[in-house]
């Protein structure tokens, strides 16, 4: 066996390549909450279509994360509200059927949590966002809970007559399980 092959095998054994794990859409969810003068808080869910998490060998802290959400299946507890949110006045899901997130920086804290900076695209507009993330599960099968707050006006949605009745900051939580 050539020495190059042996050296490559040793290097790979000592430094295995990162593992790319798929996000499990059936076990993952994204939830949002926004204040509404007439309802107190509107809570909704946006399904995860797909995504991937890159993990270094032996670590549950990702080095990269991507996710795609299905805005056409956005759901609150009110069918009429769902239709309004999917309309051109708000998310315009016919024109922008998916939302995407791609991490740009992950910073580990001393307590084992981490912050994840990334680019979030909603309604055709991309904005930098930050999530605070905790790790659960086991080292072999980590789960993630992330929380953040986004500015809905920053995503260029048309302002409607109801805009003053609806809060601008939107709290977002994500629960992610890997396949």
Protein backbone atom coordinates (compact mmCIF):
# COMPACT_ATOMS: atom_id res chain seq x y z
CA UNK A 1 0.00 0.00 0.00
CA UNK A 2 1.48 3.38 -0.97
CA UNK A 3 2.57 5.66 1.87
CA UNK A 4 0.18 8.41 0.66
CA UNK A 5 -2.80 6.10 1.13
CA UNK A 6 -1.65 5.14 4.62
CA UNK A 7 -1.10 8.79 5.60
CA UNK A 8 -4.55 9.76 4.27
CA UNK A 9 -6.16 6.93 6.26
CA UNK A 10 -4.37 8.07 9.45
CA UNK A 11 -5.36 11.72 8.91
CA UNK A 12 -9.01 10.77 8.30
CA UNK A 13 -9.03 8.50 11.36
CA UNK A 14 -7.64 11.27 13.56
CA UNK A 15 -9.73 14.06 11.97
CA UNK A 16 -12.92 12.61 10.55
CA UNK A 17 -14.83 14.90 8.19
CA UNK A 18 -17.81 16.81 9.59
CA UNK A 19 -21.14 15.03 9.56
CA UNK A 20 -24.04 16.67 7.78
CA UNK A 21 -27.32 15.65 9.42
CA UNK A 22 -30.73 16.37 7.98
CA UNK A 23 -33.35 18.18 10.04
CA UNK A 24 -36.37 15.94 10.67
CA UNK A 25 -39.41 17.95 9.47
CA UNK A 26 -41.83 15.59 11.23
CA UNK A 27 -40.23 16.29 14.62
CA UNK A 28 -39.23 19.94 14.16
CA UNK A 29 -41.32 23.10 14.31
CA UNK A 30 -41.09 26.85 14.13
CA UNK A 31 -43.55 28.87 16.17
CA UNK A 32 -44.17 32.62 16.22
CA UNK A 33 -46.02 34.94 18.57
CA UNK A 34 -47.04 38.53 17.90
CA UNK A 35 -49.14 40.91 19.96
CA UNK A 36 -52.51 41.85 18.54
CA UNK A 37 -54.68 44.50 20.14
CA UNK A 38 -57.89 42.51 19.59
CA UNK A 39 -56.59 39.03 20.51
CA UNK A 40 -53.68 39.64 22.94
CA UNK A 41 -51.22 37.30 21.21
CA UNK A 42 -51.51 35.48 17.92
CA UNK A 43 -49.52 32.27 17.89
CA UNK A 44 -48.75 30.37 14.72
CA UNK A 45 -46.65 27.58 13.32
CA UNK A 46 -44.64 27.41 10.10
CA UNK A 47 -43.65 23.86 9.05
CA UNK A 48 -40.05 22.95 8.34
CA UNK A 49 -39.64 21.56 4.80
CA UNK A 50 -35.99 20.59 5.05
CA UNK A 51 -32.67 21.61 6.48
CA UNK A 52 -29.21 20.45 7.41
CA UNK A 53 -26.90 20.78 10.40
CA UNK A 54 -23.14 20.29 10.07
CA UNK A 55 -21.49 18.81 13.17
CA UNK A 56 -17.84 18.24 13.88
CA UNK A 57 -17.10 14.74 15.13
CA UNK A 58 -18.05 14.40 18.80
CA UNK A 59 -19.68 17.82 19.10
CA UNK A 60 -23.36 18.75 19.31
CA UNK A 61 -22.57 22.40 18.51
CA UNK A 62 -23.18 22.98 14.79
CA UNK A 63 -20.67 24.64 12.53
CA UNK A 64 -23.34 25.38 9.92
CA UNK A 65 -27.15 25.30 9.74
CA UNK A 66 -29.59 25.75 6.88
CA UNK A 67 -33.37 25.48 6.92
CA UNK A 68 -36.29 25.97 4.55
CA UNK A 69 -39.80 26.64 5.92
CA UNK A 70 -43.12 26.20 4.11
CA UNK A 71 -44.89 29.56 4.35
CA UNK A 72 -47.87 28.23 2.35
CA UNK A 73 -48.77 26.02 5.33
CA UNK A 74 -48.44 28.77 7.95
CA UNK A 75 -51.16 28.08 10.53
CA UNK A 76 -52.72 29.97 13.42
CA UNK A 77 -55.87 28.95 15.26
CA UNK A 78 -58.04 30.86 12.75
CA UNK A 79 -58.50 29.83 9.11
CA UNK A 80 -59.52 33.36 8.05
CA UNK A 81 -56.41 34.82 9.70
CA UNK A 82 -54.28 32.22 7.91
CA UNK A 83 -55.68 33.43 4.59
CA UNK A 84 -54.98 37.06 5.47
CA UNK A 85 -51.40 36.26 6.53
CA UNK A 86 -50.82 34.39 3.27
CA UNK A 87 -52.21 37.27 1.19
CA UNK A 88 -50.14 39.89 -0.69
CA UNK A 89 -50.74 42.33 2.20
CA UNK A 90 -48.59 40.19 4.50
CA UNK A 91 -46.41 37.22 3.51
CA UNK A 92 -47.62 36.85 -0.11
CA UNK A 93 -47.05 33.09 -0.01
CA UNK A 94 -48.13 32.64 -3.64
CA UNK A 95 -45.10 34.70 -4.66
CA UNK A 96 -42.81 33.75 -1.73
CA UNK A 97 -43.77 30.17 -0.76
CA UNK A 98 -40.69 29.46 1.36
CA UNK A 99 -38.63 31.17 4.02
CA UNK A 100 -34.96 30.32 4.37
CA UNK A 101 -32.31 30.58 7.05
CA UNK A 102 -28.56 30.09 6.66
CA UNK A 103 -26.18 30.48 9.58
CA UNK A 104 -23.25 32.84 9.20
CA UNK A 105 -21.63 32.61 12.66
CA UNK A 106 -22.04 30.32 15.66
CA UNK A 107 -20.60 31.40 19.01
CA UNK A 108 -20.38 28.94 21.90
CA UNK A 109 -20.94 30.26 25.42
CA UNK A 110 -19.22 28.91 28.52
CA UNK A 111 -22.51 27.38 29.74
CA UNK A 112 -22.85 25.14 26.66
CA UNK A 113 -25.45 27.31 24.92
CA UNK A 114 -24.64 29.20 21.76
CA UNK A 115 -25.77 32.10 19.65
CA UNK A 116 -26.36 31.64 15.97
CA UNK A 117 -26.21 34.57 13.60
CA UNK A 118 -27.63 34.04 10.16
CA UNK A 119 -29.47 35.35 7.14
CA UNK A 120 -33.25 34.97 7.24
CA UNK A 121 -35.24 35.48 4.04
CA UNK A 122 -38.97 36.17 4.35
CA UNK A 123 -41.16 37.85 1.74
CA UNK A 124 -38.17 38.04 -0.62
CA UNK A 125 -36.17 40.18 1.83
CA UNK A 126 -33.05 38.94 3.60
CA UNK A 127 -32.13 40.29 7.03
CA UNK A 128 -29.46 39.33 9.58
CA UNK A 129 -30.96 37.64 12.63
CA UNK A 130 -29.63 36.18 15.87
CA UNK A 131 -30.93 33.15 17.75
CA UNK A 132 -30.12 32.01 21.29
CA UNK A 133 -29.82 28.21 21.22
CA UNK A 134 -29.81 25.48 23.88
CA UNK A 135 -28.86 21.87 23.23
CA UNK A 136 -30.88 18.89 24.46
CA UNK A 137 -31.06 15.23 23.62
CA UNK A 138 -27.94 13.10 23.69
CA UNK A 139 -24.50 13.68 22.15
CA UNK A 140 -25.34 11.18 19.40
CA UNK A 141 -28.81 12.65 18.82
CA UNK A 142 -28.84 16.30 19.82
CA UNK A 143 -31.95 18.46 19.74
CA UNK A 144 -32.02 22.23 19.64
CA UNK A 145 -34.30 24.90 21.05
CA UNK A 146 -33.73 28.36 19.62
CA UNK A 147 -35.37 31.69 20.35
CA UNK A 148 -35.18 35.07 18.72
CA UNK A 149 -37.10 38.21 17.93
CA UNK A 150 -37.56 39.61 14.44
CA UNK A 151 -38.79 42.96 13.19
CA UNK A 152 -41.67 42.22 10.81
CA UNK A 153 -41.42 45.63 9.14
CA UNK A 154 -37.80 44.94 8.17
CA UNK A 155 -39.01 42.27 5.74
CA UNK A 156 -40.79 44.77 3.52
CA UNK A 157 -44.35 43.66 4.02
CA UNK A 158 -46.99 46.10 2.85
CA UNK A 159 -48.47 48.12 5.68
CA UNK A 160 -52.22 47.65 5.91
CA UNK A 161 -54.97 49.48 7.76
CA UNK A 162 -54.60 46.92 10.58
CA UNK A 163 -50.88 47.59 11.03
CA UNK A 164 -51.29 49.77 14.15
CA UNK A 165 -53.24 46.97 15.89
CA UNK A 166 -50.47 44.41 15.39
CA UNK A 167 -47.14 44.46 17.18
CA UNK A 168 -43.96 44.92 15.21
CA UNK A 169 -41.61 42.57 17.09
CA UNK A 170 -42.34 38.90 16.49
CA UNK A 171 -41.03 36.31 18.93
CA UNK A 172 -39.85 33.15 17.20
CA UNK A 173 -39.02 29.76 18.72
CA UNK A 174 -37.63 26.73 16.94
CA UNK A 175 -37.49 23.15 18.12
CA UNK A 176 -35.24 21.08 15.88
CA UNK A 177 -34.60 17.35 15.84
CA UNK A 178 -32.13 15.68 13.50
CA UNK A 179 -32.63 12.51 11.49
